[in-house]
Amino acid sequence: MLLYVVLMASQVVAQSKPTSSPQLSGFRELLSNIKATFTLPEGFKETTPPNNEKLPFQYGVENPDADCEIWFQVNSVKAEWQRHERDKADAVRQLINPDSLYIKTVEDEAAIMSSENNYIARNIPTYILDQYNADEGRSYLLALTDLPATKHYQYALLIALNKKRTGNIIMACLTNERGPYFFKTISKLKRCLKFSD
């Protein structure tokens, strides 16, 4: 009888375990290519970010209580590093360090999303990078252009995290209010997104 109860309880637990959506599974697969992990933060649900040539975000979440969305973009630099190593002896070519590509990418997206390149950029402090196990990063606070692509949000905080010789993650955190509650909501990311060692 006890064995029957244990088996039934394990079936209930197995059935109540949440399953990943196809979007979340695909996002986690992209993250695995750059040795990073993601857990959906409490209070958030999936949403659809723009995924086009100008704003290529692959996954999005929203927090309806905080009136904000977070869009994610994952970029591997492993192939760029292979080309860089292969071609670095060529004196004719001027090669860009692949680990600096994330800066160009996020600045291009900030320019597209903001009016007149109106943004404030900062290097992310080491103690915050350590929470994500990232090597370097930058943040960009910007006023958004009123566009359907940005769902008419007014402000964005772009966060770019880079793991050397591996890849980067760009997060666009969009809101209509820039108050403390928004930044408290964004701080939940440090507990759900991390590069591996």
N, C-alpha and C. Protein backbone atom coordinates (compact mmCIF):
# COMPACT_ATOMS: atom_id res chain seq x y z
N MET A 1 0.82 -1.20 0.00
CA MET A 1 0.00 0.00 0.00
C MET A 1 0.87 1.26 0.00
N LEU A 2 1.90 1.24 0.83
CA LEU A 2 2.79 2.39 0.90
C LEU A 2 3.48 2.62 -0.45
N LEU A 3 3.88 1.55 -1.11
CA LEU A 3 4.50 1.66 -2.42
C LEU A 3 3.54 2.30 -3.42
N TYR A 4 2.26 1.94 -3.36
CA TYR A 4 1.25 2.50 -4.24
C TYR A 4 1.13 4.02 -4.01
N VAL A 5 1.11 4.45 -2.76
CA VAL A 5 1.00 5.87 -2.43
C VAL A 5 2.23 6.63 -2.95
N VAL A 6 3.41 6.06 -2.77
CA VAL A 6 4.64 6.70 -3.25
C VAL A 6 4.61 6.82 -4.77
N LEU A 7 4.19 5.77 -5.47
CA LEU A 7 4.12 5.82 -6.93
C LEU A 7 3.12 6.86 -7.40
N MET A 8 1.97 6.93 -6.76
CA MET A 8 0.95 7.91 -7.14
C MET A 8 1.46 9.33 -6.88
N ALA A 9 2.13 9.54 -5.77
CA ALA A 9 2.66 10.87 -5.45
C ALA A 9 3.72 11.29 -6.46
N SER A 10 4.56 10.34 -6.88
CA SER A 10 5.59 10.68 -7.86
C SER A 10 4.97 11.02 -9.21
N GLN A 11 3.86 10.38 -9.56
CA GLN A 11 3.18 10.71 -10.81
C GLN A 11 2.58 12.10 -10.75
N VAL A 12 2.01 12.47 -9.61
CA VAL A 12 1.43 13.80 -9.45
C VAL A 12 2.52 14.86 -9.55
N VAL A 13 3.66 14.62 -8.89
CA VAL A 13 4.77 15.56 -8.96
C VAL A 13 5.27 15.67 -10.40
N ALA A 14 5.40 14.55 -11.08
CA ALA A 14 5.88 14.56 -12.46
C ALA A 14 4.90 15.31 -13.36
N GLN A 15 3.59 15.15 -13.12
CA GLN A 15 2.61 15.82 -13.94
C GLN A 15 2.57 17.33 -13.67
N SER A 16 2.86 17.75 -12.44
CA SER A 16 2.78 19.17 -12.12
C SER A 16 4.05 19.93 -12.49
N LYS A 17 5.09 19.23 -12.88
CA LYS A 17 6.33 19.89 -13.28
C LYS A 17 6.06 20.68 -14.57
N PRO A 18 6.38 22.00 -14.57
CA PRO A 18 6.09 22.79 -15.77
C PRO A 18 6.95 22.36 -16.95
N THR A 19 6.36 22.39 -18.12
CA THR A 19 7.10 22.05 -19.32
C THR A 19 7.55 23.33 -20.00
N SER A 20 8.64 23.24 -20.73
CA SER A 20 9.16 24.40 -21.44
C SER A 20 8.36 24.61 -22.72
N SER A 21 8.12 25.85 -23.04
CA SER A 21 7.49 26.18 -24.31
C SER A 21 8.52 26.00 -25.42
N PRO A 22 8.08 25.89 -26.66
CA PRO A 22 9.05 25.80 -27.77
C PRO A 22 9.98 27.02 -27.83
N GLN A 23 9.43 28.22 -27.51
CA GLN A 23 10.26 29.42 -27.52
C GLN A 23 11.35 29.35 -26.46
N LEU A 24 10.98 28.93 -25.24
CA LEU A 24 11.95 28.84 -24.15
C LEU A 24 12.99 27.76 -24.45
N SER A 25 12.55 26.63 -24.99
CA SER A 25 13.49 25.57 -25.35
C SER A 25 14.49 26.05 -26.40
N GLY A 26 14.01 26.77 -27.41
CA GLY A 26 14.90 27.30 -28.44
C GLY A 26 15.87 28.32 -27.89
N PHE A 27 15.39 29.17 -26.97
CA PHE A 27 16.25 30.17 -26.35
C PHE A 27 17.33 29.50 -25.51
N ARG A 28 16.94 28.48 -24.75
CA ARG A 28 17.93 27.77 -23.93
C ARG A 28 18.96 27.06 -24.80
N GLU A 29 18.55 26.59 -25.96
CA GLU A 29 19.51 25.95 -26.88
C GLU A 29 20.53 26.98 -27.38
N LEU A 30 20.06 28.19 -27.73
CA LEU A 30 20.99 29.25 -28.13
C LEU A 30 21.96 29.57 -27.00
N LEU A 31 21.44 29.65 -25.78
CA LEU A 31 22.28 29.93 -24.62
C LEU A 31 23.31 28.83 -24.38
N SER A 32 22.91 27.58 -24.61
CA SER A 32 23.85 26.47 -24.39
C SER A 32 25.05 26.58 -25.34
N ASN A 33 24.85 27.17 -26.52
CA ASN A 33 25.96 27.37 -27.46
C ASN A 33 27.00 28.34 -26.94
N ILE A 34 26.61 29.21 -26.01
CA ILE A 34 27.58 30.16 -25.42
C ILE A 34 27.77 29.87 -23.93
N LYS A 35 27.41 28.66 -23.52
CA LYS A 35 27.61 28.21 -22.15
C LYS A 35 26.95 29.13 -21.13
N ALA A 36 25.66 29.38 -21.35
CA ALA A 36 24.88 30.20 -20.42
C ALA A 36 23.57 29.49 -20.11
N THR A 37 22.94 29.86 -19.01
CA THR A 37 21.68 29.25 -18.58
C THR A 37 20.67 30.34 -18.26
N PHE A 38 19.39 29.96 -18.32
CA PHE A 38 18.30 30.89 -18.04
C PHE A 38 17.17 30.16 -17.34
N THR A 39 16.63 30.80 -16.31
CA THR A 39 15.43 30.34 -15.63
C THR A 39 14.43 31.49 -15.67
N LEU A 40 13.22 31.21 -16.06
CA LEU A 40 12.19 32.25 -16.14
C LEU A 40 11.99 32.89 -14.77
N PRO A 41 12.17 34.23 -14.65
CA PRO A 41 12.02 34.86 -13.34
C PRO A 41 10.57 34.83 -12.86
N GLU A 42 10.41 34.77 -11.56
CA GLU A 42 9.08 34.75 -10.96
C GLU A 42 8.33 36.04 -11.31
N GLY A 43 7.05 35.90 -11.66
CA GLY A 43 6.24 37.06 -12.00
C GLY A 43 6.28 37.43 -13.47
N PHE A 44 7.10 36.73 -14.25
CA PHE A 44 7.22 37.02 -15.68
C PHE A 44 6.53 35.94 -16.49
N LYS A 45 6.08 36.31 -17.68
CA LYS A 45 5.55 35.34 -18.64
C LYS A 45 6.12 35.67 -20.01
N GLU A 46 6.05 34.71 -20.91
CA GLU A 46 6.62 34.90 -22.24
C GLU A 46 5.85 35.93 -23.05
N THR A 47 6.58 36.63 -23.90
CA THR A 47 5.99 37.54 -24.88
C THR A 47 6.79 37.41 -26.17
N THR A 48 6.30 38.02 -27.22
CA THR A 48 6.99 37.93 -28.50
C THR A 48 7.76 39.22 -28.78
N PRO A 49 9.08 39.14 -28.83
CA PRO A 49 9.87 40.34 -29.15
C PRO A 49 9.99 40.51 -30.66
N PRO A 50 10.46 41.68 -31.12
CA PRO A 50 10.73 41.80 -32.55
C PRO A 50 11.92 40.92 -32.91
N ASN A 51 11.83 40.25 -34.02
CA ASN A 51 12.94 39.43 -34.50
C ASN A 51 13.08 39.68 -35.99
N ASN A 52 13.75 40.79 -36.30
CA ASN A 52 13.95 41.16 -37.69
C ASN A 52 15.39 41.60 -37.89
N GLU A 53 15.71 42.09 -39.06
CA GLU A 53 17.09 42.46 -39.38
C GLU A 53 17.63 43.55 -38.46
N LYS A 54 16.79 44.51 -38.09
CA LYS A 54 17.25 45.63 -37.26
C LYS A 54 17.22 45.32 -35.77
N LEU A 55 16.23 44.58 -35.34
CA LEU A 55 16.09 44.22 -33.91
C LEU A 55 15.93 42.71 -33.79
N PRO A 56 17.04 41.97 -33.86
CA PRO A 56 16.96 40.50 -33.89
C PRO A 56 16.93 39.86 -32.50
N PHE A 57 15.85 40.06 -31.77
CA PHE A 57 15.73 39.45 -30.45
C PHE A 57 15.06 38.09 -30.58
N GLN A 58 15.59 37.09 -29.85
CA GLN A 58 15.10 35.73 -30.01
C GLN A 58 14.08 35.30 -28.95
N TYR A 59 14.03 36.01 -27.83
CA TYR A 59 13.15 35.58 -26.74
C TYR A 59 12.72 36.81 -25.95
N GLY A 60 11.51 36.76 -25.40
CA GLY A 60 11.03 37.89 -24.61
C GLY A 60 10.17 37.44 -23.45
N VAL A 61 10.23 38.23 -22.37
CA VAL A 61 9.37 38.01 -21.21
C VAL A 61 8.78 39.36 -20.81
N GLU A 62 7.66 39.30 -20.12
CA GLU A 62 7.04 40.52 -19.63
C GLU A 62 6.57 40.33 -18.20
N ASN A 63 6.52 41.43 -17.47
CA ASN A 63 5.98 41.45 -16.13
C ASN A 63 4.83 42.44 -16.15
N PRO A 64 3.58 41.94 -16.26
CA PRO A 64 2.43 42.84 -16.36
C PRO A 64 2.29 43.76 -15.16
N ASP A 65 2.68 43.29 -13.98
CA ASP A 65 2.56 44.13 -12.77
C ASP A 65 3.52 45.31 -12.80
N ALA A 66 4.64 45.16 -13.47
CA ALA A 66 5.66 46.22 -13.51
C ALA A 66 5.62 47.01 -14.81
N ASP A 67 4.71 46.67 -15.73
CA ASP A 67 4.62 47.34 -17.01
C ASP A 67 5.98 47.38 -17.71
N CYS A 68 6.58 46.19 -17.86
CA CYS A 68 7.86 46.14 -18.56
C CYS A 68 8.01 44.82 -19.31
N GLU A 69 8.84 44.87 -20.33
CA GLU A 69 9.21 43.68 -21.10
C GLU A 69 10.73 43.61 -21.18
N ILE A 70 11.23 42.40 -21.30
CA ILE A 70 12.66 42.19 -21.48
C ILE A 70 12.83 41.28 -22.69
N TRP A 71 13.60 41.76 -23.65
CA TRP A 71 13.89 40.99 -24.85
C TRP A 71 15.35 40.56 -24.81
N PHE A 72 15.61 39.36 -25.29
CA PHE A 72 16.96 38.79 -25.24
C PHE A 72 17.48 38.48 -26.64
N GLN A 73 18.77 38.72 -26.81
CA GLN A 73 19.47 38.37 -28.04
C GLN A 73 20.76 37.65 -27.65
N VAL A 74 21.01 36.50 -28.26
CA VAL A 74 22.19 35.70 -27.96
C VAL A 74 23.06 35.65 -29.21
N ASN A 75 24.35 35.95 -29.03
CA ASN A 75 25.29 35.97 -30.15
C ASN A 75 26.55 35.18 -29.78
N SER A 76 26.84 34.15 -30.55
CA SER A 76 28.08 33.40 -30.37
C SER A 76 29.19 34.08 -31.16
N VAL A 77 30.41 34.09 -30.62
CA VAL A 77 31.55 34.66 -31.35
C VAL A 77 32.60 33.58 -31.65
N LYS A 78 32.22 32.33 -31.48
CA LYS A 78 33.19 31.24 -31.70
C LYS A 78 33.67 31.19 -33.15
N ALA A 79 32.76 31.33 -34.12
CA ALA A 79 33.15 31.31 -35.54
C ALA A 79 34.02 32.52 -35.88
N GLU A 80 33.68 33.69 -35.31
CA GLU A 80 34.49 34.88 -35.53
C GLU A 80 35.90 34.69 -34.98
N TRP A 81 36.01 34.03 -33.84
CA TRP A 81 37.34 33.77 -33.27
C TRP A 81 38.14 32.81 -34.14
N GLN A 82 37.49 31.82 -34.73
CA GLN A 82 38.20 30.90 -35.63
C GLN A 82 38.74 31.65 -36.84
N ARG A 83 37.91 32.54 -37.43
CA ARG A 83 38.37 33.34 -38.57
C ARG A 83 39.49 34.29 -38.15
N HIS A 84 39.35 34.88 -36.98
CA HIS A 84 40.35 35.81 -36.47
C HIS A 84 41.70 35.11 -36.31
N GLU A 85 41.70 33.93 -35.71
CA GLU A 85 42.94 33.17 -35.51
C GLU A 85 43.55 32.75 -36.85
N ARG A 86 42.69 32.37 -37.79
CA ARG A 86 43.16 31.93 -39.10
C ARG A 86 43.78 33.08 -39.88
N ASP A 87 43.17 34.28 -39.79
CA ASP A 87 43.58 35.40 -40.64
C ASP A 87 44.47 36.43 -39.96
N LYS A 88 44.84 36.23 -38.70
CA LYS A 88 45.58 37.28 -37.99
C LYS A 88 46.99 37.50 -38.55
N ALA A 89 47.56 36.55 -39.25
CA ALA A 89 48.89 36.72 -39.85
C ALA A 89 48.83 37.52 -41.15
N ASP A 90 47.63 37.72 -41.70
CA ASP A 90 47.47 38.46 -42.95
C ASP A 90 47.61 39.96 -42.67
N ALA A 91 48.71 40.55 -43.15
CA ALA A 91 49.01 41.96 -42.87
C ALA A 91 48.05 42.92 -43.57
N VAL A 92 47.39 42.46 -44.63
CA VAL A 92 46.49 43.32 -45.39
C VAL A 92 45.17 43.56 -44.62
N ARG A 93 44.72 42.55 -43.95
CA ARG A 93 43.43 42.65 -43.24
C ARG A 93 43.61 43.31 -41.88
N GLN A 94 42.68 44.20 -41.57
CA GLN A 94 42.63 44.76 -40.22
C GLN A 94 41.50 44.05 -39.50
N LEU A 95 41.86 43.24 -38.56
CA LEU A 95 40.88 42.41 -37.88
C LEU A 95 40.39 43.07 -36.60
N ILE A 96 39.11 42.94 -36.38
CA ILE A 96 38.49 43.44 -35.15
C ILE A 96 38.47 42.29 -34.16
N ASN A 97 38.80 42.60 -32.93
CA ASN A 97 38.72 41.59 -31.87
C ASN A 97 37.26 41.15 -31.74
N PRO A 98 36.95 39.87 -31.94
CA PRO A 98 35.57 39.41 -31.86
C PRO A 98 34.88 39.70 -30.53
N ASP A 99 35.65 39.83 -29.46
CA ASP A 99 35.04 40.12 -28.16
C ASP A 99 34.56 41.57 -28.06
N SER A 100 34.91 42.41 -29.02
CA SER A 100 34.41 43.78 -28.99
C SER A 100 33.18 43.97 -29.88
N LEU A 101 32.76 42.94 -30.59
CA LEU A 101 31.61 43.05 -31.49
C LEU A 101 30.32 43.38 -30.76
N TYR A 102 30.19 42.95 -29.51
CA TYR A 102 28.95 43.20 -28.77
C TYR A 102 28.71 44.70 -28.60
N ILE A 103 29.77 45.49 -28.49
CA ILE A 103 29.62 46.94 -28.32
C ILE A 103 28.99 47.55 -29.57
N LYS A 104 29.49 47.18 -30.74
CA LYS A 104 28.93 47.68 -32.00
C LYS A 104 27.47 47.24 -32.15
N THR A 105 27.18 46.00 -31.82
CA THR A 105 25.82 45.49 -31.95
C THR A 105 24.85 46.26 -31.07
N VAL A 106 25.19 46.43 -29.80
CA VAL A 106 24.26 47.10 -28.88
C VAL A 106 24.16 48.59 -29.19
N GLU A 107 25.24 49.21 -29.65
CA GLU A 107 25.16 50.63 -30.02
C GLU A 107 24.30 50.83 -31.26
N ASP A 108 24.36 49.91 -32.22
CA ASP A 108 23.49 49.98 -33.39
C ASP A 108 22.02 49.86 -32.97
N GLU A 109 21.73 48.95 -32.06
CA GLU A 109 20.35 48.78 -31.61
C GLU A 109 19.88 49.98 -30.79
N ALA A 110 20.76 50.56 -30.00
CA ALA A 110 20.41 51.77 -29.24
C ALA A 110 20.08 52.91 -30.21
N ALA A 111 20.84 53.04 -31.28
CA ALA A 111 20.59 54.09 -32.27
C ALA A 111 19.26 53.88 -32.98
N ILE A 112 18.92 52.64 -33.27
CA ILE A 112 17.65 52.34 -33.94
C ILE A 112 16.47 52.63 -33.01
N MET A 113 16.61 52.27 -31.75
CA MET A 113 15.49 52.38 -30.81
C MET A 113 15.32 53.79 -30.23
N SER A 114 16.39 54.57 -30.19
CA SER A 114 16.31 55.89 -29.54
C SER A 114 16.17 56.99 -30.57
N SER A 115 15.70 58.12 -30.09
CA SER A 115 15.59 59.27 -30.98
C SER A 115 16.91 60.03 -30.97
N GLU A 116 17.45 60.23 -32.15
CA GLU A 116 18.67 61.01 -32.33
C GLU A 116 19.85 60.50 -31.50
N ASN A 117 19.99 59.19 -31.39
CA ASN A 117 21.09 58.59 -30.61
C ASN A 117 21.16 59.16 -29.20
N ASN A 118 20.00 59.41 -28.62
CA ASN A 118 19.90 60.02 -27.30
C ASN A 118 19.96 58.93 -26.23
N TYR A 119 21.18 58.59 -25.79
CA TYR A 119 21.31 57.57 -24.75
C TYR A 119 22.53 57.84 -23.89
N ILE A 120 22.52 57.23 -22.71
CA ILE A 120 23.64 57.32 -21.78
C ILE A 120 24.24 55.92 -21.68
N ALA A 121 25.55 55.81 -21.94
CA ALA A 121 26.23 54.51 -21.90
C ALA A 121 27.18 54.46 -20.70
N ARG A 122 27.23 53.29 -20.07
CA ARG A 122 28.12 53.08 -18.92
C ARG A 122 28.71 51.67 -18.99
N ASN A 123 29.96 51.54 -18.53
CA ASN A 123 30.52 50.20 -18.32
C ASN A 123 29.85 49.60 -17.09
N ILE A 124 29.60 48.31 -17.14
CA ILE A 124 28.99 47.63 -16.00
C ILE A 124 30.09 47.31 -14.99
N PRO A 125 29.88 47.65 -13.72
CA PRO A 125 30.90 47.38 -12.70
C PRO A 125 31.18 45.88 -12.54
N THR A 126 32.38 45.58 -12.12
CA THR A 126 32.83 44.19 -11.97
C THR A 126 31.93 43.39 -11.02
N TYR A 127 31.50 43.99 -9.92
CA TYR A 127 30.69 43.24 -8.97
C TYR A 127 29.35 42.81 -9.57
N ILE A 128 28.83 43.57 -10.53
CA ILE A 128 27.59 43.17 -11.21
C ILE A 128 27.91 42.11 -12.27
N LEU A 129 29.00 42.29 -13.01
CA LEU A 129 29.41 41.29 -14.00
C LEU A 129 29.60 39.93 -13.34
N ASP A 130 30.17 39.93 -12.14
CA ASP A 130 30.40 38.68 -11.41
C ASP A 130 29.09 37.94 -11.13
N GLN A 131 28.00 38.66 -10.92
CA GLN A 131 26.71 38.02 -10.66
C GLN A 131 26.21 37.24 -11.88
N TYR A 132 26.61 37.67 -13.06
CA TYR A 132 26.25 36.98 -14.30
C TYR A 132 27.37 36.07 -14.80
N ASN A 133 28.51 36.09 -14.12
CA ASN A 133 29.72 35.39 -14.54
C ASN A 133 30.18 35.87 -15.93
N ALA A 134 30.01 37.17 -16.18
CA ALA A 134 30.42 37.78 -17.45
C ALA A 134 31.79 38.44 -17.28
N ASP A 135 32.51 38.59 -18.38
CA ASP A 135 33.83 39.20 -18.34
C ASP A 135 33.79 40.72 -18.53
N GLU A 136 32.84 41.18 -19.32
CA GLU A 136 32.71 42.61 -19.56
C GLU A 136 31.28 42.91 -19.98
N GLY A 137 30.92 44.19 -19.91
CA GLY A 137 29.56 44.56 -20.28
C GLY A 137 29.35 46.06 -20.25
N ARG A 138 28.27 46.47 -20.89
CA ARG A 138 27.89 47.88 -20.93
C ARG A 138 26.38 47.99 -20.80
N SER A 139 25.93 49.14 -20.30
CA SER A 139 24.50 49.41 -20.23
C SER A 139 24.22 50.74 -20.93
N TYR A 140 23.02 50.84 -21.48
CA TYR A 140 22.60 52.02 -22.23
C TYR A 140 21.19 52.37 -21.78
N LEU A 141 21.01 53.56 -21.23
CA LEU A 141 19.70 54.05 -20.85
C LEU A 141 19.24 55.01 -21.93
N LEU A 142 18.06 54.76 -22.51
CA LEU A 142 17.64 55.57 -23.63
C LEU A 142 16.15 55.88 -23.61
N ALA A 143 15.82 57.01 -24.20
CA ALA A 143 14.43 57.37 -24.47
C ALA A 143 14.10 56.80 -25.84
N LEU A 144 13.00 56.08 -25.92
CA LEU A 144 12.67 55.38 -27.16
C LEU A 144 11.91 56.27 -28.13
N THR A 145 12.14 56.04 -29.41
CA THR A 145 11.31 56.62 -30.44
C THR A 145 9.98 55.89 -30.40
N ASP A 146 8.89 56.60 -30.60
CA ASP A 146 7.56 55.98 -30.55
C ASP A 146 7.36 55.14 -31.82
N LEU A 147 7.63 53.83 -31.68
CA LEU A 147 7.57 52.91 -32.82
C LEU A 147 6.72 51.68 -32.48
N PRO A 148 6.02 51.13 -33.47
CA PRO A 148 5.33 49.86 -33.22
C PRO A 148 6.31 48.74 -32.83
N ALA A 149 7.53 48.77 -33.39
CA ALA A 149 8.52 47.72 -33.09
C ALA A 149 8.88 47.69 -31.62
N THR A 150 8.86 48.84 -30.96
CA THR A 150 9.16 48.90 -29.52
C THR A 150 7.89 48.93 -28.69
N LYS A 151 6.77 48.60 -29.31
CA LYS A 151 5.46 48.51 -28.66
C LYS A 151 5.10 49.81 -27.93
N HIS A 152 5.60 50.91 -28.45
CA HIS A 152 5.31 52.26 -27.96
C HIS A 152 5.75 52.49 -26.51
N TYR A 153 6.70 51.67 -26.04
CA TYR A 153 7.28 51.96 -24.73
C TYR A 153 8.07 53.26 -24.83
N GLN A 154 8.26 53.93 -23.68
CA GLN A 154 8.94 55.23 -23.67
C GLN A 154 10.44 55.14 -23.39
N TYR A 155 10.85 54.13 -22.58
CA TYR A 155 12.24 54.05 -22.15
C TYR A 155 12.76 52.62 -22.30
N ALA A 156 14.08 52.53 -22.41
CA ALA A 156 14.72 51.20 -22.43
C ALA A 156 16.06 51.26 -21.73
N LEU A 157 16.38 50.17 -21.09
CA LEU A 157 17.71 49.94 -20.55
C LEU A 157 18.26 48.76 -21.33
N LEU A 158 19.29 49.00 -22.14
CA LEU A 158 19.95 47.92 -22.87
C LEU A 158 21.13 47.46 -22.04
N ILE A 159 21.23 46.16 -21.83
CA ILE A 159 22.32 45.58 -21.06
C ILE A 159 23.02 44.57 -21.96
N ALA A 160 24.32 44.75 -22.13
CA ALA A 160 25.12 43.84 -22.96
C ALA A 160 26.16 43.17 -22.08
N LEU A 161 26.13 41.84 -22.05
CA LEU A 161 27.07 41.05 -21.26
C LEU A 161 27.90 40.19 -22.20
N ASN A 162 29.22 40.16 -21.98
CA ASN A 162 30.11 39.41 -22.86
C ASN A 162 30.95 38.42 -22.07
N LYS A 163 31.05 37.20 -22.60
CA LYS A 163 31.96 36.18 -22.08
C LYS A 163 33.04 36.00 -23.15
N LYS A 164 34.28 36.30 -22.80
CA LYS A 164 35.36 36.30 -23.78
C LYS A 164 35.49 34.96 -24.50
N ARG A 165 35.72 35.08 -25.81
CA ARG A 165 35.92 33.93 -26.71
C ARG A 165 34.72 32.99 -26.79
N THR A 166 33.57 33.44 -26.28
CA THR A 166 32.38 32.59 -26.26
C THR A 166 31.19 33.26 -26.92
N GLY A 167 30.72 34.37 -26.36
CA GLY A 167 29.56 35.04 -26.91
C GLY A 167 29.04 36.13 -26.00
N ASN A 168 27.90 36.68 -26.39
CA ASN A 168 27.31 37.76 -25.61
C ASN A 168 25.80 37.64 -25.57
N ILE A 169 25.23 38.30 -24.58
CA ILE A 169 23.79 38.37 -24.40
C ILE A 169 23.42 39.84 -24.32
N ILE A 170 22.47 40.24 -25.15
CA ILE A 170 21.97 41.61 -25.10
C ILE A 170 20.53 41.55 -24.62
N MET A 171 20.23 42.36 -23.61
CA MET A 171 18.87 42.43 -23.07
C MET A 171 18.34 43.83 -23.27
N ALA A 172 17.14 43.94 -23.81
CA ALA A 172 16.45 45.22 -23.92
C ALA A 172 15.32 45.20 -22.91
N CYS A 173 15.43 46.05 -21.90
CA CYS A 173 14.43 46.14 -20.83
C CYS A 173 13.60 47.38 -21.10
N LEU A 174 12.34 47.20 -21.48
CA LEU A 174 11.50 48.32 -21.91
C LEU A 174 10.43 48.63 -20.86
N THR A 175 10.12 49.93 -20.70
CA THR A 175 9.14 50.35 -19.71
C THR A 175 8.58 51.72 -20.07
N ASN A 176 7.52 52.09 -19.37
CA ASN A 176 7.00 53.46 -19.48
C ASN A 176 7.35 54.28 -18.24
N GLU A 177 7.86 53.63 -17.21
CA GLU A 177 8.24 54.31 -15.97
C GLU A 177 9.68 53.93 -15.63
N ARG A 178 10.53 54.92 -15.35
CA ARG A 178 11.92 54.65 -15.02
C ARG A 178 12.18 54.67 -13.52
N GLY A 179 11.18 54.48 -12.72
CA GLY A 179 11.34 54.59 -11.28
C GLY A 179 12.02 53.38 -10.66
N PRO A 180 12.14 53.39 -9.33
CA PRO A 180 12.84 52.33 -8.60
C PRO A 180 12.22 50.95 -8.82
N TYR A 181 10.90 50.88 -9.00
CA TYR A 181 10.25 49.58 -9.17
C TYR A 181 10.73 48.90 -10.46
N PHE A 182 10.95 49.69 -11.51
CA PHE A 182 11.47 49.14 -12.76
C PHE A 182 12.85 48.52 -12.54
N PHE A 183 13.74 49.25 -11.87
CA PHE A 183 15.10 48.74 -11.66
C PHE A 183 15.11 47.56 -10.69
N LYS A 184 14.18 47.54 -9.75
CA LYS A 184 14.06 46.38 -8.85
C LYS A 184 13.61 45.16 -9.65
N THR A 185 12.69 45.36 -10.57
CA THR A 185 12.22 44.26 -11.43
C THR A 185 13.36 43.75 -12.30
N ILE A 186 14.15 44.65 -12.87
CA ILE A 186 15.27 44.27 -13.72
C ILE A 186 16.33 43.51 -12.93
N SER A 187 16.49 43.86 -11.66
CA SER A 187 17.52 43.20 -10.85
C SER A 187 17.25 41.71 -10.67
N LYS A 188 16.02 41.26 -10.94
CA LYS A 188 15.70 39.83 -10.86
C LYS A 188 16.48 39.02 -11.90
N LEU A 189 16.95 39.69 -12.94
CA LEU A 189 17.68 38.99 -14.00
C LEU A 189 18.96 38.34 -13.50
N LYS A 190 19.61 38.97 -12.53
CA LYS A 190 20.89 38.42 -12.06
C LYS A 190 20.73 37.07 -11.40
N ARG A 191 19.51 36.72 -11.02
CA ARG A 191 19.27 35.41 -10.41
C ARG A 191 18.80 34.37 -11.43
N CYS A 192 18.54 34.80 -12.66
CA CYS A 192 17.97 33.84 -13.62
C CYS A 192 18.82 33.65 -14.87
N LEU A 193 19.86 34.45 -15.05
CA LEU A 193 20.67 34.37 -16.26
C LEU A 193 22.14 34.38 -15.87
N LYS A 194 22.89 33.40 -16.39
CA LYS A 194 24.29 33.31 -15.98
C LYS A 194 25.11 32.54 -17.01
N PHE A 195 26.34 33.03 -17.23
CA PHE A 195 27.32 32.29 -18.01
C PHE A 195 27.94 31.22 -17.12
N SER A 196 28.30 30.09 -17.71
CA SER A 196 29.02 29.04 -16.98
C SER A 196 30.49 29.42 -16.90
N ASP A 197 31.21 28.73 -16.01
CA ASP A 197 32.66 28.98 -15.90
C ASP A 197 33.40 28.44 -17.09
